[in-house]
């Protein structure tokens, strides 16, 4: 099941317009430098911290790592 979900996600994302993906990446980086990492520049925040910060603000207290663990089950 995990493999199917992963393949579907890759297929779906590759079908999206590249400009949308680029915008989302910039938006996540800008969002990550607010709040918890507000005193840091995007260069100082890792991509995993950016993803976790975005997930916590948008999806409650679950981080990206917690969501991925749920998918693995």
N, C-alpha and C. Protein backbone atom coordinates (compact mmCIF):
# COMPACT_ATOMS: atom_id res chain seq x y z
N UNK A 1 0.83 -1.20 0.00
CA UNK A 1 0.00 0.00 0.00
C UNK A 1 0.87 1.26 0.00
N UNK A 2 1.93 1.23 0.82
CA UNK A 2 2.81 2.39 0.89
C UNK A 2 3.41 2.70 -0.48
N UNK A 3 3.83 1.66 -1.17
CA UNK A 3 4.46 1.83 -2.49
C UNK A 3 3.47 2.44 -3.48
N UNK A 4 2.22 2.00 -3.44
CA UNK A 4 1.20 2.54 -4.32
C UNK A 4 0.98 4.02 -4.06
N UNK A 5 0.87 4.38 -2.80
CA UNK A 5 0.65 5.79 -2.43
C UNK A 5 1.83 6.64 -2.90
N UNK A 6 3.03 6.14 -2.70
CA UNK A 6 4.22 6.88 -3.12
C UNK A 6 4.26 7.05 -4.64
N UNK A 7 3.98 5.98 -5.37
CA UNK A 7 3.97 6.07 -6.84
C UNK A 7 2.90 7.04 -7.32
N UNK A 8 1.72 6.97 -6.72
CA UNK A 8 0.65 7.87 -7.10
C UNK A 8 1.04 9.32 -6.86
N UNK A 9 1.63 9.59 -5.69
CA UNK A 9 2.04 10.96 -5.36
C UNK A 9 3.05 11.49 -6.36
N UNK A 10 4.05 10.66 -6.71
CA UNK A 10 5.04 11.09 -7.70
C UNK A 10 4.38 11.35 -9.05
N UNK A 11 3.50 10.45 -9.46
CA UNK A 11 2.81 10.63 -10.74
C UNK A 11 2.01 11.93 -10.74
N UNK A 12 1.26 12.15 -9.67
CA UNK A 12 0.42 13.34 -9.56
C UNK A 12 1.23 14.62 -9.59
N UNK A 13 2.29 14.66 -8.80
CA UNK A 13 3.10 15.88 -8.70
C UNK A 13 3.77 16.20 -10.03
N UNK A 14 4.24 15.18 -10.74
CA UNK A 14 4.89 15.44 -12.03
C UNK A 14 3.91 15.96 -13.08
N UNK A 15 2.62 15.77 -12.87
CA UNK A 15 1.61 16.29 -13.80
C UNK A 15 1.28 17.76 -13.53
N UNK A 16 1.63 18.27 -12.35
CA UNK A 16 1.32 19.65 -12.00
C UNK A 16 2.23 20.62 -12.76
N UNK A 17 1.75 21.84 -13.00
CA UNK A 17 2.60 22.84 -13.68
C UNK A 17 3.83 23.18 -12.82
N UNK A 18 4.95 23.31 -13.47
CA UNK A 18 6.19 23.60 -12.75
C UNK A 18 6.14 24.94 -12.05
N UNK A 19 5.43 25.90 -12.63
CA UNK A 19 5.32 27.21 -11.98
C UNK A 19 4.58 27.09 -10.64
N UNK A 20 3.61 26.19 -10.55
CA UNK A 20 2.89 25.98 -9.29
C UNK A 20 3.81 25.36 -8.24
N UNK A 21 4.61 24.38 -8.63
CA UNK A 21 5.54 23.75 -7.71
C UNK A 21 6.57 24.77 -7.22
N UNK A 22 7.06 25.59 -8.12
CA UNK A 22 8.04 26.63 -7.76
C UNK A 22 7.42 27.61 -6.76
N UNK A 23 6.19 28.06 -7.03
CA UNK A 23 5.50 28.97 -6.13
C UNK A 23 5.33 28.34 -4.75
N UNK A 24 4.93 27.08 -4.72
CA UNK A 24 4.72 26.39 -3.44
C UNK A 24 6.01 26.30 -2.64
N UNK A 25 7.12 26.01 -3.32
CA UNK A 25 8.41 25.94 -2.64
C UNK A 25 8.79 27.30 -2.05
N UNK A 26 8.59 28.36 -2.82
CA UNK A 26 8.89 29.71 -2.32
C UNK A 26 7.98 30.08 -1.15
N UNK A 27 6.72 29.71 -1.26
CA UNK A 27 5.77 30.02 -0.19
C UNK A 27 6.12 29.29 1.10
N UNK A 28 6.52 28.02 0.97
CA UNK A 28 6.92 27.24 2.15
C UNK A 28 8.17 27.84 2.78
N UNK A 29 9.13 28.27 1.97
CA UNK A 29 10.35 28.88 2.50
C UNK A 29 10.03 30.19 3.21
N UNK A 30 9.16 31.00 2.63
CA UNK A 30 8.79 32.27 3.25
C UNK A 30 8.04 32.02 4.55
N UNK A 31 7.17 31.04 4.55
CA UNK A 31 6.39 30.71 5.75
C UNK A 31 7.29 30.19 6.86
N UNK A 32 8.30 29.43 6.49
CA UNK A 32 9.18 28.83 7.50
C UNK A 32 10.04 29.86 8.22
N UNK A 33 10.24 31.00 7.62
CA UNK A 33 11.05 32.02 8.28
C UNK A 33 10.21 32.97 9.12
N UNK A 34 8.99 32.57 9.41
CA UNK A 34 8.12 33.30 10.34
C UNK A 34 7.93 32.43 11.58
N UNK A 35 7.56 33.02 12.66
CA UNK A 35 7.27 32.24 13.87
C UNK A 35 8.50 31.64 14.49
N UNK A 36 8.54 30.32 14.57
CA UNK A 36 9.63 29.61 15.26
C UNK A 36 11.02 29.97 14.71
N UNK A 37 11.12 30.13 13.39
CA UNK A 37 12.40 30.45 12.76
C UNK A 37 12.43 31.90 12.25
N UNK A 38 11.68 32.77 12.91
CA UNK A 38 11.56 34.16 12.46
C UNK A 38 12.85 34.95 12.45
N UNK A 39 13.81 34.52 13.23
CA UNK A 39 15.08 35.25 13.30
C UNK A 39 16.14 34.67 12.36
N UNK A 40 15.74 33.77 11.46
CA UNK A 40 16.68 33.13 10.55
C UNK A 40 16.33 33.42 9.10
N UNK A 41 17.33 33.33 8.25
CA UNK A 41 17.11 33.49 6.81
C UNK A 41 16.79 32.12 6.22
N UNK A 42 16.21 32.07 5.01
CA UNK A 42 15.93 30.77 4.40
C UNK A 42 17.17 29.89 4.25
N UNK A 43 18.33 30.50 4.10
CA UNK A 43 19.58 29.71 4.00
C UNK A 43 19.91 28.97 5.29
N UNK A 44 19.44 29.47 6.40
CA UNK A 44 19.77 28.89 7.71
C UNK A 44 18.76 27.84 8.18
N UNK A 45 17.66 27.68 7.45
CA UNK A 45 16.62 26.72 7.84
C UNK A 45 16.65 25.54 6.86
N UNK A 46 16.73 24.33 7.39
CA UNK A 46 16.78 23.16 6.51
C UNK A 46 15.43 22.90 5.86
N UNK A 47 15.45 22.15 4.77
CA UNK A 47 14.20 21.87 4.07
C UNK A 47 13.25 21.07 4.95
N UNK A 48 13.76 20.17 5.77
CA UNK A 48 12.89 19.39 6.66
C UNK A 48 12.24 20.29 7.70
N UNK A 49 12.98 21.27 8.21
CA UNK A 49 12.39 22.22 9.15
C UNK A 49 11.31 23.07 8.47
N UNK A 50 11.54 23.42 7.19
CA UNK A 50 10.54 24.18 6.45
C UNK A 50 9.26 23.36 6.28
N UNK A 51 9.42 22.09 5.91
CA UNK A 51 8.26 21.23 5.71
C UNK A 51 7.51 21.02 7.02
N UNK A 52 8.25 20.79 8.10
CA UNK A 52 7.60 20.61 9.40
C UNK A 52 6.86 21.87 9.84
N UNK A 53 7.48 23.04 9.64
CA UNK A 53 6.84 24.30 10.04
C UNK A 53 5.56 24.51 9.23
N UNK A 54 5.59 24.21 7.94
CA UNK A 54 4.40 24.36 7.09
C UNK A 54 3.31 23.41 7.55
N UNK A 55 3.68 22.17 7.81
CA UNK A 55 2.70 21.17 8.24
C UNK A 55 2.07 21.49 9.58
N UNK A 56 2.87 22.00 10.50
CA UNK A 56 2.34 22.34 11.82
C UNK A 56 1.35 23.49 11.73
N UNK A 57 1.64 24.46 10.87
CA UNK A 57 0.73 25.61 10.75
C UNK A 57 -0.53 25.25 9.98
N UNK A 58 -0.41 24.37 9.01
CA UNK A 58 -1.56 24.04 8.16
C UNK A 58 -2.32 22.81 8.62
N UNK A 59 -1.64 21.87 9.26
CA UNK A 59 -2.29 20.61 9.60
C UNK A 59 -2.37 20.33 11.08
N UNK A 60 -2.28 21.34 11.90
CA UNK A 60 -2.33 21.13 13.34
C UNK A 60 -0.96 20.82 13.89
N UNK A 61 -0.90 19.92 14.85
CA UNK A 61 0.37 19.65 15.52
C UNK A 61 1.15 18.51 14.87
N UNK A 62 0.65 17.97 13.77
CA UNK A 62 1.37 16.89 13.11
C UNK A 62 2.46 17.44 12.21
N UNK A 63 3.63 16.88 12.33
CA UNK A 63 4.73 17.27 11.45
C UNK A 63 4.73 16.39 10.22
N UNK A 64 5.53 16.74 9.25
CA UNK A 64 5.67 15.95 8.03
C UNK A 64 6.15 14.54 8.35
N UNK A 65 7.09 14.45 9.27
CA UNK A 65 7.61 13.13 9.64
C UNK A 65 6.52 12.24 10.24
N UNK A 66 5.65 12.81 11.07
CA UNK A 66 4.55 12.04 11.66
C UNK A 66 3.57 11.59 10.59
N UNK A 67 3.28 12.45 9.62
CA UNK A 67 2.38 12.07 8.55
C UNK A 67 2.96 10.96 7.69
N UNK A 68 4.27 11.00 7.44
CA UNK A 68 4.90 9.95 6.65
C UNK A 68 4.89 8.62 7.39
N UNK A 69 5.05 8.66 8.70
CA UNK A 69 4.99 7.42 9.49
C UNK A 69 3.60 6.81 9.42
N UNK A 70 2.56 7.65 9.41
CA UNK A 70 1.20 7.15 9.29
C UNK A 70 0.98 6.48 7.94
N UNK A 71 1.56 7.05 6.89
CA UNK A 71 1.42 6.46 5.56
C UNK A 71 2.12 5.10 5.47
N UNK A 72 3.19 4.93 6.21
CA UNK A 72 3.95 3.69 6.18
C UNK A 72 3.17 2.52 6.77
N UNK A 73 2.21 2.81 7.64
CA UNK A 73 1.45 1.75 8.31
C UNK A 73 0.41 1.14 7.40
